[in-house]
Amino acid sequence: MDHTLPNPNCPAQPGDPERRFWLMTTAAASGVAAVATAIPFVSTFAPSERAKAAGGPVEVDISDLPPGGMKTVEWRGKPVWVLRRTAEMLASLQGHDDQLVDPQSLKDQQPAYAKNPARAIKPEVFVAIGICTHLGCSPSKAPKDGNNPSLPADWPGGFFCPCHGSTFDGAGRVFKNKPAPTNLEIPPHRYAGDARLLIGEDAAS
């Protein structure tokens, strides 16, 4: 029996089984090659596990954030607050520096552009990681007139940690004689427009 493969350049004869076998084999091999070529190409578009773990920037729309309102978003597994402060909230940041551990934000808890009394790029928009610097609990927003019995009568407004009683003013600066040793951390961030924030990226990135 002749086991020679048919010549693919020869015209196919109607009903020629050997010719059909050759065409099917060639097509299958081409398909495998195409898939093998496509897999590494497509994989370049899929984020790696390392990139996912690192956590890219998070975009936040603040166009619907009213004065006094706050949003919480997740960045790198951490809660990040975005608070639109009112004029009264900004005024409350003054007059109690002597009660604060680090009123001038001298410790490295924020980017250079947030090293100011408001600890913000724009004074009215406060961005902070909502994790207490004591043992990692999440403080809650504590307004000036919140009627919290754990807060002093002259409380200016800010944040209160229910786990161990640490208190922070409206710029995330910690009060003295509390368990938390440092101010709340300010993450890198920048404005991508008048109403859009990028958390986790700044102009130097």
N, C-alpha and C. Protein backbone atom coordinates (compact mmCIF):
# COMPACT_ATOMS: atom_id res chain seq x y z
N MET A 1 0.86 -1.19 0.00
CA MET A 1 0.00 0.00 0.00
C MET A 1 0.89 1.24 0.00
N ASP A 2 0.51 2.22 -0.77
CA ASP A 2 1.29 3.45 -0.88
C ASP A 2 0.90 4.37 0.27
N HIS A 3 1.88 4.70 1.19
CA HIS A 3 1.61 5.57 2.34
C HIS A 3 2.09 6.99 2.10
N THR A 4 2.42 7.33 0.89
CA THR A 4 2.89 8.69 0.59
C THR A 4 1.73 9.66 0.73
N LEU A 5 1.98 10.83 1.48
CA LEU A 5 0.93 11.84 1.64
C LEU A 5 0.67 12.52 0.32
N PRO A 6 -0.55 12.88 0.03
CA PRO A 6 -0.86 13.53 -1.24
C PRO A 6 -0.18 14.89 -1.33
N ASN A 7 0.10 15.32 -2.52
CA ASN A 7 0.72 16.62 -2.77
C ASN A 7 -0.34 17.70 -2.62
N PRO A 8 -0.16 18.63 -1.69
CA PRO A 8 -1.19 19.65 -1.47
C PRO A 8 -1.34 20.60 -2.64
N ASN A 9 -0.33 20.65 -3.54
CA ASN A 9 -0.41 21.55 -4.68
C ASN A 9 -1.22 20.96 -5.83
N CYS A 10 -1.54 19.68 -5.74
CA CYS A 10 -2.33 19.04 -6.78
C CYS A 10 -3.79 19.35 -6.55
N PRO A 11 -4.54 19.59 -7.59
CA PRO A 11 -5.96 19.87 -7.41
C PRO A 11 -6.67 18.67 -6.82
N ALA A 12 -7.65 18.97 -5.93
CA ALA A 12 -8.38 17.89 -5.28
C ALA A 12 -9.34 17.24 -6.25
N GLN A 13 -9.45 15.96 -6.11
CA GLN A 13 -10.41 15.22 -6.91
C GLN A 13 -11.68 15.06 -6.10
N PRO A 14 -12.81 15.15 -6.74
CA PRO A 14 -14.07 14.98 -6.02
C PRO A 14 -14.07 13.67 -5.26
N GLY A 15 -14.40 13.76 -3.96
CA GLY A 15 -14.51 12.56 -3.15
C GLY A 15 -13.18 11.95 -2.79
N ASP A 16 -12.06 12.71 -2.94
CA ASP A 16 -10.74 12.18 -2.64
C ASP A 16 -10.54 12.22 -1.12
N PRO A 17 -10.57 11.08 -0.40
CA PRO A 17 -10.46 11.08 1.07
C PRO A 17 -9.10 11.51 1.56
N GLU A 18 -8.04 11.16 0.78
CA GLU A 18 -6.70 11.55 1.22
C GLU A 18 -6.53 13.06 1.16
N ARG A 19 -7.09 13.70 0.14
CA ARG A 19 -7.02 15.15 0.01
C ARG A 19 -7.75 15.83 1.17
N ARG A 20 -8.93 15.27 1.55
CA ARG A 20 -9.68 15.83 2.68
C ARG A 20 -8.89 15.71 3.97
N PHE A 21 -8.20 14.58 4.14
CA PHE A 21 -7.38 14.36 5.34
C PHE A 21 -6.28 15.41 5.43
N TRP A 22 -5.64 15.70 4.32
CA TRP A 22 -4.56 16.70 4.28
C TRP A 22 -5.08 18.09 4.67
N LEU A 23 -6.23 18.47 4.11
CA LEU A 23 -6.79 19.79 4.39
C LEU A 23 -7.19 19.93 5.85
N MET A 24 -7.80 18.86 6.43
CA MET A 24 -8.21 18.91 7.84
C MET A 24 -7.00 19.01 8.75
N THR A 25 -5.93 18.27 8.45
CA THR A 25 -4.72 18.29 9.27
C THR A 25 -4.08 19.67 9.24
N THR A 26 -4.02 20.26 8.06
CA THR A 26 -3.41 21.59 7.89
C THR A 26 -4.21 22.65 8.66
N ALA A 27 -5.54 22.56 8.55
CA ALA A 27 -6.39 23.54 9.22
C ALA A 27 -6.26 23.44 10.74
N ALA A 28 -6.20 22.21 11.25
CA ALA A 28 -6.06 22.02 12.70
C ALA A 28 -4.74 22.57 13.20
N ALA A 29 -3.66 22.32 12.45
CA ALA A 29 -2.35 22.82 12.86
C ALA A 29 -2.33 24.34 12.85
N SER A 30 -2.98 24.96 11.87
CA SER A 30 -3.03 26.42 11.79
C SER A 30 -3.79 26.99 12.97
N GLY A 31 -4.88 26.31 13.35
CA GLY A 31 -5.67 26.78 14.49
C GLY A 31 -4.89 26.74 15.78
N VAL A 32 -4.13 25.66 16.01
CA VAL A 32 -3.30 25.55 17.21
C VAL A 32 -2.27 26.66 17.25
N ALA A 33 -1.65 26.94 16.11
CA ALA A 33 -0.63 27.99 16.04
C ALA A 33 -1.24 29.35 16.35
N ALA A 34 -2.47 29.57 15.82
CA ALA A 34 -3.12 30.86 16.05
C ALA A 34 -3.43 31.05 17.53
N VAL A 35 -3.93 30.01 18.18
CA VAL A 35 -4.23 30.09 19.62
C VAL A 35 -2.96 30.33 20.41
N ALA A 36 -1.88 29.61 20.08
CA ALA A 36 -0.62 29.76 20.80
C ALA A 36 -0.09 31.18 20.66
N THR A 37 -0.31 31.79 19.49
CA THR A 37 0.14 33.17 19.28
C THR A 37 -0.74 34.15 20.04
N ALA A 38 -2.05 33.87 20.11
CA ALA A 38 -2.99 34.81 20.72
C ALA A 38 -2.87 34.84 22.23
N ILE A 39 -2.57 33.71 22.87
CA ILE A 39 -2.57 33.65 24.33
C ILE A 39 -1.59 34.64 24.96
N PRO A 40 -0.30 34.67 24.53
CA PRO A 40 0.58 35.65 25.17
C PRO A 40 0.19 37.08 24.83
N PHE A 41 -0.41 37.32 23.66
CA PHE A 41 -0.81 38.66 23.27
C PHE A 41 -1.93 39.16 24.19
N VAL A 42 -2.95 38.31 24.40
CA VAL A 42 -4.07 38.70 25.26
C VAL A 42 -3.63 38.86 26.70
N SER A 43 -2.72 38.01 27.16
CA SER A 43 -2.31 38.05 28.56
C SER A 43 -1.61 39.35 28.91
N THR A 44 -1.06 40.04 27.90
CA THR A 44 -0.40 41.32 28.20
C THR A 44 -1.40 42.37 28.65
N PHE A 45 -2.69 42.17 28.36
CA PHE A 45 -3.70 43.13 28.75
C PHE A 45 -4.31 42.82 30.12
N ALA A 46 -4.08 41.64 30.64
CA ALA A 46 -4.64 41.25 31.93
C ALA A 46 -3.71 41.68 33.05
N PRO A 47 -4.21 42.38 34.08
CA PRO A 47 -3.33 42.79 35.18
C PRO A 47 -2.77 41.60 35.92
N SER A 48 -1.50 41.69 36.29
CA SER A 48 -0.87 40.60 37.02
C SER A 48 -1.39 40.58 38.45
N GLU A 49 -1.20 39.45 39.14
CA GLU A 49 -1.62 39.35 40.53
C GLU A 49 -0.85 40.35 41.40
N ARG A 50 0.40 40.59 41.04
CA ARG A 50 1.19 41.57 41.80
C ARG A 50 0.60 42.96 41.66
N ALA A 51 0.16 43.30 40.43
CA ALA A 51 -0.43 44.61 40.20
C ALA A 51 -1.74 44.76 40.96
N LYS A 52 -2.53 43.67 41.00
CA LYS A 52 -3.79 43.72 41.74
C LYS A 52 -3.52 43.94 43.23
N ALA A 53 -2.51 43.24 43.74
CA ALA A 53 -2.20 43.35 45.17
C ALA A 53 -1.70 44.75 45.51
N ALA A 54 -0.93 45.35 44.60
CA ALA A 54 -0.40 46.68 44.85
C ALA A 54 -1.52 47.71 44.93
N GLY A 55 -2.53 47.54 44.09
CA GLY A 55 -3.66 48.46 44.11
C GLY A 55 -3.38 49.73 43.34
N GLY A 56 -4.06 49.89 42.23
CA GLY A 56 -3.89 51.09 41.42
C GLY A 56 -4.70 52.25 41.98
N PRO A 57 -4.61 53.41 41.34
CA PRO A 57 -5.37 54.57 41.80
C PRO A 57 -6.88 54.32 41.70
N VAL A 58 -7.63 54.97 42.58
CA VAL A 58 -9.08 54.87 42.60
C VAL A 58 -9.65 56.24 42.28
N GLU A 59 -10.53 56.29 41.30
CA GLU A 59 -11.13 57.56 40.91
C GLU A 59 -12.43 57.78 41.68
N VAL A 60 -12.61 58.99 42.19
CA VAL A 60 -13.79 59.32 42.98
C VAL A 60 -14.47 60.55 42.39
N ASP A 61 -15.74 60.41 42.10
CA ASP A 61 -16.55 61.54 41.62
C ASP A 61 -17.09 62.29 42.84
N ILE A 62 -16.71 63.54 42.99
CA ILE A 62 -17.18 64.31 44.15
C ILE A 62 -18.19 65.38 43.76
N SER A 63 -18.70 65.29 42.53
CA SER A 63 -19.65 66.31 42.06
C SER A 63 -20.95 66.28 42.86
N ASP A 64 -21.30 65.11 43.41
CA ASP A 64 -22.54 64.99 44.15
C ASP A 64 -22.33 65.03 45.67
N LEU A 65 -21.15 65.44 46.09
CA LEU A 65 -20.84 65.47 47.52
C LEU A 65 -21.26 66.81 48.10
N PRO A 66 -22.28 66.84 48.96
CA PRO A 66 -22.77 68.12 49.49
C PRO A 66 -21.87 68.64 50.60
N PRO A 67 -21.95 69.91 50.93
CA PRO A 67 -21.18 70.44 52.08
C PRO A 67 -21.51 69.65 53.34
N GLY A 68 -20.48 69.19 54.02
CA GLY A 68 -20.65 68.37 55.21
C GLY A 68 -20.78 66.89 54.91
N GLY A 69 -20.92 66.53 53.65
CA GLY A 69 -21.07 65.12 53.27
C GLY A 69 -19.73 64.42 53.15
N MET A 70 -19.76 63.10 53.31
CA MET A 70 -18.53 62.31 53.24
C MET A 70 -18.77 61.02 52.48
N LYS A 71 -17.81 60.65 51.65
CA LYS A 71 -17.81 59.38 50.96
C LYS A 71 -16.67 58.53 51.50
N THR A 72 -16.87 57.23 51.49
CA THR A 72 -15.80 56.30 51.85
C THR A 72 -15.55 55.36 50.68
N VAL A 73 -14.31 55.31 50.21
CA VAL A 73 -13.95 54.42 49.12
C VAL A 73 -12.82 53.51 49.60
N GLU A 74 -12.59 52.45 48.87
CA GLU A 74 -11.53 51.51 49.25
C GLU A 74 -10.33 51.69 48.34
N TRP A 75 -9.16 51.78 48.94
CA TRP A 75 -7.90 51.86 48.20
C TRP A 75 -6.88 50.98 48.92
N ARG A 76 -6.34 49.99 48.20
CA ARG A 76 -5.38 49.05 48.77
C ARG A 76 -5.93 48.37 50.02
N GLY A 77 -7.22 48.09 50.00
CA GLY A 77 -7.85 47.41 51.13
C GLY A 77 -8.12 48.30 52.33
N LYS A 78 -7.92 49.60 52.18
CA LYS A 78 -8.13 50.53 53.29
C LYS A 78 -9.29 51.47 52.98
N PRO A 79 -10.06 51.87 54.02
CA PRO A 79 -11.10 52.87 53.80
C PRO A 79 -10.48 54.26 53.68
N VAL A 80 -10.89 54.98 52.67
CA VAL A 80 -10.41 56.36 52.49
C VAL A 80 -11.61 57.28 52.51
N TRP A 81 -11.55 58.28 53.39
CA TRP A 81 -12.62 59.25 53.50
C TRP A 81 -12.39 60.42 52.54
N VAL A 82 -13.49 60.88 51.96
CA VAL A 82 -13.48 62.13 51.19
C VAL A 82 -14.59 62.99 51.77
N LEU A 83 -14.20 64.03 52.49
CA LEU A 83 -15.14 64.88 53.21
C LEU A 83 -15.13 66.28 52.62
N ARG A 84 -16.34 66.77 52.28
CA ARG A 84 -16.44 68.17 51.83
C ARG A 84 -16.76 69.04 53.05
N ARG A 85 -15.76 69.78 53.48
CA ARG A 85 -15.91 70.57 54.71
C ARG A 85 -16.65 71.88 54.44
N THR A 86 -17.44 72.25 55.40
CA THR A 86 -18.15 73.53 55.33
C THR A 86 -17.22 74.63 55.86
N ALA A 87 -17.66 75.88 55.70
CA ALA A 87 -16.88 77.00 56.24
C ALA A 87 -16.75 76.89 57.75
N GLU A 88 -17.81 76.39 58.40
CA GLU A 88 -17.77 76.21 59.86
C GLU A 88 -16.76 75.13 60.24
N MET A 89 -16.71 74.06 59.48
CA MET A 89 -15.74 73.00 59.75
C MET A 89 -14.31 73.52 59.61
N LEU A 90 -14.08 74.32 58.61
CA LEU A 90 -12.73 74.87 58.41
C LEU A 90 -12.37 75.82 59.55
N ALA A 91 -13.33 76.60 59.99
CA ALA A 91 -13.07 77.53 61.10
C ALA A 91 -12.75 76.77 62.39
N SER A 92 -13.34 75.58 62.53
CA SER A 92 -13.15 74.80 63.76
C SER A 92 -11.75 74.20 63.86
N LEU A 93 -10.95 74.29 62.80
CA LEU A 93 -9.59 73.76 62.82
C LEU A 93 -8.65 74.70 63.58
N GLN A 94 -9.11 75.88 63.91
CA GLN A 94 -8.27 76.86 64.58
C GLN A 94 -8.61 76.94 66.08
N GLY A 95 -7.62 77.35 66.86
CA GLY A 95 -7.86 77.66 68.26
C GLY A 95 -7.62 76.53 69.24
N HIS A 96 -7.15 75.36 68.78
CA HIS A 96 -6.89 74.27 69.73
C HIS A 96 -5.55 73.57 69.48
N ASP A 97 -4.62 74.29 68.88
CA ASP A 97 -3.30 73.69 68.59
C ASP A 97 -2.62 73.16 69.85
N ASP A 98 -2.85 73.84 70.98
CA ASP A 98 -2.18 73.42 72.21
C ASP A 98 -2.72 72.09 72.75
N GLN A 99 -3.84 71.63 72.20
CA GLN A 99 -4.43 70.36 72.63
C GLN A 99 -4.03 69.19 71.73
N LEU A 100 -3.27 69.50 70.68
CA LEU A 100 -2.94 68.49 69.67
C LEU A 100 -1.52 67.98 69.82
N VAL A 101 -1.30 66.74 69.46
CA VAL A 101 0.03 66.13 69.52
C VAL A 101 0.95 66.73 68.47
N ASP A 102 0.43 66.90 67.26
CA ASP A 102 1.25 67.37 66.14
C ASP A 102 0.44 68.36 65.31
N PRO A 103 0.21 69.57 65.84
CA PRO A 103 -0.67 70.53 65.16
C PRO A 103 -0.12 71.02 63.82
N GLN A 104 1.19 71.04 63.65
CA GLN A 104 1.79 71.52 62.40
C GLN A 104 2.07 70.39 61.41
N SER A 105 1.62 69.20 61.74
CA SER A 105 1.83 68.03 60.86
C SER A 105 3.30 67.85 60.51
N LEU A 106 4.14 67.88 61.54
CA LEU A 106 5.58 67.74 61.32
C LEU A 106 6.00 66.30 61.04
N LYS A 107 5.23 65.36 61.58
CA LYS A 107 5.54 63.96 61.34
C LYS A 107 5.10 63.57 59.93
N ASP A 108 5.74 62.55 59.40
CA ASP A 108 5.52 62.16 58.00
C ASP A 108 4.24 61.34 57.87
N GLN A 109 3.11 62.02 57.98
CA GLN A 109 1.80 61.36 57.87
C GLN A 109 1.03 61.82 56.65
N GLN A 110 1.66 62.63 55.80
CA GLN A 110 0.97 63.20 54.66
C GLN A 110 1.96 63.62 53.58
N PRO A 111 1.53 63.70 52.32
CA PRO A 111 2.41 64.25 51.27
C PRO A 111 2.70 65.72 51.56
N ALA A 112 3.72 66.24 50.93
CA ALA A 112 4.14 67.62 51.17
C ALA A 112 3.03 68.62 50.86
N TYR A 113 2.22 68.32 49.83
CA TYR A 113 1.17 69.28 49.44
C TYR A 113 0.00 69.29 50.43
N ALA A 114 -0.01 68.37 51.38
CA ALA A 114 -1.06 68.37 52.41
C ALA A 114 -0.48 68.74 53.77
N LYS A 115 0.71 69.29 53.79
CA LYS A 115 1.34 69.70 55.04
C LYS A 115 0.99 71.16 55.31
N ASN A 116 -0.27 71.37 55.66
CA ASN A 116 -0.79 72.70 55.92
C ASN A 116 -1.90 72.56 56.96
N PRO A 117 -2.43 73.66 57.51
CA PRO A 117 -3.43 73.55 58.57
C PRO A 117 -4.65 72.71 58.20
N ALA A 118 -5.05 72.74 56.92
CA ALA A 118 -6.21 71.97 56.49
C ALA A 118 -5.84 70.55 56.10
N ARG A 119 -4.54 70.29 55.93
CA ARG A 119 -4.03 69.00 55.49
C ARG A 119 -4.74 68.55 54.21
N ALA A 120 -4.77 69.45 53.23
CA ALA A 120 -5.51 69.18 52.00
C ALA A 120 -4.95 70.01 50.85
N ILE A 121 -5.23 69.55 49.63
CA ILE A 121 -4.88 70.34 48.44
C ILE A 121 -5.83 71.54 48.35
N LYS A 122 -7.11 71.23 48.41
CA LYS A 122 -8.15 72.26 48.49
C LYS A 122 -8.71 72.21 49.91
N PRO A 123 -8.71 73.31 50.62
CA PRO A 123 -9.12 73.28 52.03
C PRO A 123 -10.47 72.63 52.28
N GLU A 124 -11.41 72.82 51.35
CA GLU A 124 -12.76 72.31 51.59
C GLU A 124 -12.90 70.80 51.37
N VAL A 125 -11.92 70.17 50.74
CA VAL A 125 -12.00 68.72 50.48
C VAL A 125 -10.90 68.00 51.26
N PHE A 126 -11.32 67.23 52.24
CA PHE A 126 -10.39 66.51 53.10
C PHE A 126 -10.36 65.04 52.69
N VAL A 127 -9.15 64.53 52.46
CA VAL A 127 -8.96 63.13 52.07
C VAL A 127 -8.05 62.47 53.10
N ALA A 128 -8.50 61.39 53.71
CA ALA A 128 -7.70 60.72 54.73
C ALA A 128 -8.01 59.24 54.78
N ILE A 129 -7.03 58.46 55.20
CA ILE A 129 -7.25 57.04 55.43
C ILE A 129 -7.96 56.88 56.77
N GLY A 130 -9.13 56.26 56.73
CA GLY A 130 -9.97 56.17 57.93
C GLY A 130 -9.58 55.03 58.85
N ILE A 131 -8.33 55.00 59.27
CA ILE A 131 -7.85 53.96 60.18
C ILE A 131 -7.12 54.64 61.33
N CYS A 132 -7.55 54.35 62.53
CA CYS A 132 -6.91 54.93 63.72
C CYS A 132 -5.45 54.48 63.79
N THR A 133 -4.59 55.40 64.16
CA THR A 133 -3.15 55.09 64.22
C THR A 133 -2.76 54.39 65.52
N HIS A 134 -3.74 54.00 66.31
CA HIS A 134 -3.47 53.25 67.52
C HIS A 134 -3.38 51.75 67.20
N LEU A 135 -4.55 51.12 67.02
CA LEU A 135 -4.56 49.68 66.75
C LEU A 135 -5.35 49.32 65.49
N GLY A 136 -5.61 50.31 64.64
CA GLY A 136 -6.21 50.00 63.35
C GLY A 136 -7.72 49.95 63.29
N CYS A 137 -8.40 50.44 64.34
CA CYS A 137 -9.87 50.52 64.27
C CYS A 137 -10.25 51.65 63.30
N SER A 138 -11.52 51.70 62.96
CA SER A 138 -11.99 52.76 62.06
C SER A 138 -12.78 53.79 62.85
N PRO A 139 -12.27 55.02 62.96
CA PRO A 139 -13.02 56.07 63.65
C PRO A 139 -14.29 56.42 62.88
N SER A 140 -15.15 57.15 63.53
CA SER A 140 -16.38 57.60 62.89
C SER A 140 -16.43 59.13 62.92
N LYS A 141 -17.20 59.67 62.02
CA LYS A 141 -17.36 61.12 61.96
C LYS A 141 -18.10 61.57 63.21
N ALA A 142 -17.57 62.61 63.87
CA ALA A 142 -18.17 63.10 65.12
C ALA A 142 -18.37 64.61 65.00
N PRO A 143 -19.56 65.02 64.60
CA PRO A 143 -19.80 66.46 64.43
C PRO A 143 -19.77 67.22 65.75
N LYS A 144 -19.72 68.51 65.63
CA LYS A 144 -19.61 69.37 66.82
C LYS A 144 -20.80 69.20 67.75
N ASP A 145 -21.98 69.08 67.18
CA ASP A 145 -23.20 68.97 67.99
C ASP A 145 -23.77 67.55 67.95
N GLY A 146 -22.88 66.55 67.99
CA GLY A 146 -23.32 65.17 67.87
C GLY A 146 -23.83 64.54 69.14
N ASN A 147 -23.77 65.24 70.27
CA ASN A 147 -24.26 64.72 71.56
C ASN A 147 -23.63 63.37 71.93
N ASN A 148 -22.32 63.28 71.71
CA ASN A 148 -21.60 62.07 72.09
C ASN A 148 -21.08 62.25 73.52
N PRO A 149 -21.54 61.43 74.47
CA PRO A 149 -21.12 61.60 75.87
C PRO A 149 -19.64 61.33 76.09
N SER A 150 -18.98 60.71 75.13
CA SER A 150 -17.54 60.43 75.25
C SER A 150 -16.68 61.62 74.85
N LEU A 151 -17.31 62.67 74.34
CA LEU A 151 -16.58 63.85 73.87
C LEU A 151 -16.79 65.02 74.80
N PRO A 152 -15.79 65.92 74.91
CA PRO A 152 -15.92 67.07 75.82
C PRO A 152 -16.96 68.06 75.33
N ALA A 153 -17.38 68.91 76.23
CA ALA A 153 -18.42 69.90 75.90
C ALA A 153 -17.96 70.89 74.84
N ASP A 154 -16.65 71.16 74.83
CA ASP A 154 -16.13 72.12 73.85
C ASP A 154 -15.59 71.42 72.60
N TRP A 155 -16.08 70.25 72.31
CA TRP A 155 -15.62 69.48 71.17
C TRP A 155 -15.81 70.27 69.88
N PRO A 156 -14.73 70.46 69.07
CA PRO A 156 -14.84 71.28 67.87
C PRO A 156 -15.38 70.54 66.64
N GLY A 157 -15.56 69.24 66.78
CA GLY A 157 -15.95 68.44 65.63
C GLY A 157 -14.75 67.74 65.05
N GLY A 158 -14.98 66.55 64.52
CA GLY A 158 -13.87 65.79 63.94
C GLY A 158 -14.21 64.32 63.86
N PHE A 159 -13.35 63.48 64.44
CA PHE A 159 -13.52 62.03 64.35
C PHE A 159 -13.22 61.38 65.70
N PHE A 160 -13.99 60.34 66.00
CA PHE A 160 -13.89 59.66 67.28
C PHE A 160 -13.71 58.16 67.03
N CYS A 161 -12.70 57.56 67.68
CA CYS A 161 -12.48 56.12 67.56
C CYS A 161 -13.16 55.42 68.72
N PRO A 162 -14.18 54.61 68.47
CA PRO A 162 -14.93 53.98 69.56
C PRO A 162 -14.18 52.85 70.25
N CYS A 163 -13.10 52.36 69.63
CA CYS A 163 -12.38 51.23 70.23
C CYS A 163 -11.67 51.61 71.52
N HIS A 164 -10.91 52.72 71.48
CA HIS A 164 -10.13 53.10 72.66
C HIS A 164 -10.20 54.59 72.96
N GLY A 165 -11.11 55.30 72.29
CA GLY A 165 -11.37 56.68 72.66
C GLY A 165 -10.47 57.74 72.07
N SER A 166 -9.67 57.40 71.07
CA SER A 166 -8.83 58.44 70.44
C SER A 166 -9.70 59.42 69.69
N THR A 167 -9.30 60.68 69.71
CA THR A 167 -10.06 61.73 69.03
C THR A 167 -9.15 62.50 68.07
N PHE A 168 -9.73 62.91 66.96
CA PHE A 168 -9.02 63.65 65.92
C PHE A 168 -9.88 64.83 65.50
N ASP A 169 -9.25 65.95 65.21
CA ASP A 169 -10.04 67.09 64.77
C ASP A 169 -10.43 66.93 63.30
N GLY A 170 -11.04 67.96 62.74
CA GLY A 170 -11.54 67.89 61.36
C GLY A 170 -10.48 67.80 60.30
N ALA A 171 -9.21 67.88 60.68
CA ALA A 171 -8.11 67.68 59.75
C ALA A 171 -7.37 66.37 60.06
N GLY A 172 -7.96 65.56 60.92
CA GLY A 172 -7.35 64.28 61.26
C GLY A 172 -6.17 64.39 62.20
N ARG A 173 -6.04 65.51 62.92
CA ARG A 173 -4.93 65.68 63.86
C ARG A 173 -5.35 65.14 65.23
N VAL A 174 -4.51 64.31 65.80
CA VAL A 174 -4.87 63.62 67.04
C VAL A 174 -4.71 64.53 68.26
N PHE A 175 -5.63 64.38 69.20
CA PHE A 175 -5.56 65.14 70.44
C PHE A 175 -4.61 64.46 71.42
N LYS A 176 -4.08 65.24 72.32
CA LYS A 176 -3.15 64.74 73.34
C LYS A 176 -3.86 63.80 74.32
N ASN A 177 -3.02 63.02 75.02
CA ASN A 177 -3.50 62.12 76.08
C ASN A 177 -4.50 61.09 75.57
N LYS A 178 -4.30 60.67 74.33
CA LYS A 178 -5.13 59.63 73.73
C LYS A 178 -4.24 58.49 73.27
N PRO A 179 -4.79 57.29 73.09
CA PRO A 179 -3.94 56.15 72.69
C PRO A 179 -3.27 56.32 71.33
N ALA A 180 -3.94 56.96 70.38
CA ALA A 180 -3.35 57.11 69.04
C ALA A 180 -2.13 58.02 69.11
N PRO A 181 -0.99 57.60 68.59
CA PRO A 181 0.23 58.39 68.71
C PRO A 181 0.40 59.47 67.65
N THR A 182 -0.23 59.29 66.51
CA THR A 182 0.00 60.22 65.40
C THR A 182 -1.32 60.57 64.70
N ASN A 183 -1.23 61.60 63.87
CA ASN A 183 -2.39 62.04 63.08
C ASN A 183 -2.82 60.94 62.10
N LEU A 184 -4.04 61.08 61.60
CA LEU A 184 -4.50 60.17 60.56
C LEU A 184 -3.64 60.37 59.31
N GLU A 185 -3.44 59.30 58.58
CA GLU A 185 -2.59 59.34 57.39
C GLU A 185 -3.37 59.93 56.21
N ILE A 186 -2.69 60.77 55.45
CA ILE A 186 -3.25 61.34 54.21
C ILE A 186 -2.64 60.57 53.04
N PRO A 187 -3.44 59.93 52.20
CA PRO A 187 -2.88 59.17 51.09
C PRO A 187 -2.48 60.10 49.94
N PRO A 188 -1.61 59.64 49.07
CA PRO A 188 -1.32 60.44 47.87
C PRO A 188 -2.60 60.61 47.06
N HIS A 189 -2.84 61.78 46.56
CA HIS A 189 -4.02 62.01 45.74
C HIS A 189 -3.82 63.27 44.91
N ARG A 190 -4.64 63.39 43.88
CA ARG A 190 -4.60 64.58 43.04
C ARG A 190 -5.96 64.76 42.38
N TYR A 191 -6.16 65.95 41.82
CA TYR A 191 -7.40 66.23 41.10
C TYR A 191 -7.19 65.93 39.62
N ALA A 192 -8.12 65.14 39.06
CA ALA A 192 -8.10 64.86 37.62
C ALA A 192 -9.12 65.74 36.91
N GLY A 193 -9.71 66.66 37.62
CA GLY A 193 -10.73 67.58 37.12
C GLY A 193 -11.33 68.27 38.32
N ASP A 194 -12.23 69.21 38.07
CA ASP A 194 -12.84 69.95 39.18
C ASP A 194 -13.61 69.03 40.12
N ALA A 195 -14.18 67.97 39.60
CA ALA A 195 -15.02 67.10 40.42
C ALA A 195 -14.54 65.66 40.44
N ARG A 196 -13.28 65.43 40.11
CA ARG A 196 -12.76 64.06 40.09
C ARG A 196 -11.46 64.00 40.85
N LEU A 197 -11.38 63.04 41.77
CA LEU A 197 -10.17 62.82 42.57
C LEU A 197 -9.56 61.48 42.19
N LEU A 198 -8.25 61.43 42.17
CA LEU A 198 -7.54 60.16 42.01
C LEU A 198 -6.84 59.85 43.33
N ILE A 199 -7.31 58.83 44.01
CA ILE A 199 -6.70 58.41 45.27
C ILE A 199 -5.61 57.39 44.96
N GLY A 200 -4.40 57.62 45.50
CA GLY A 200 -3.30 56.70 45.26
C GLY A 200 -2.33 57.19 44.20
N GLU A 201 -2.53 58.40 43.74
CA GLU A 201 -1.64 58.96 42.71
C GLU A 201 -1.55 60.46 42.93
N ASP A 202 -0.37 61.01 42.81
CA ASP A 202 -0.23 62.46 42.89
C ASP A 202 0.50 62.97 41.67
N ALA A 203 0.71 64.27 41.62
CA ALA A 203 1.32 64.87 40.45
C ALA A 203 2.73 64.40 40.21
N ALA A 204 3.39 63.91 41.26
CA ALA A 204 4.78 63.44 41.13
C ALA A 204 4.87 62.01 40.65
N SER A 205 3.71 61.29 40.54
CA SER A 205 3.72 59.88 40.15
C SER A 205 4.08 59.73 38.67
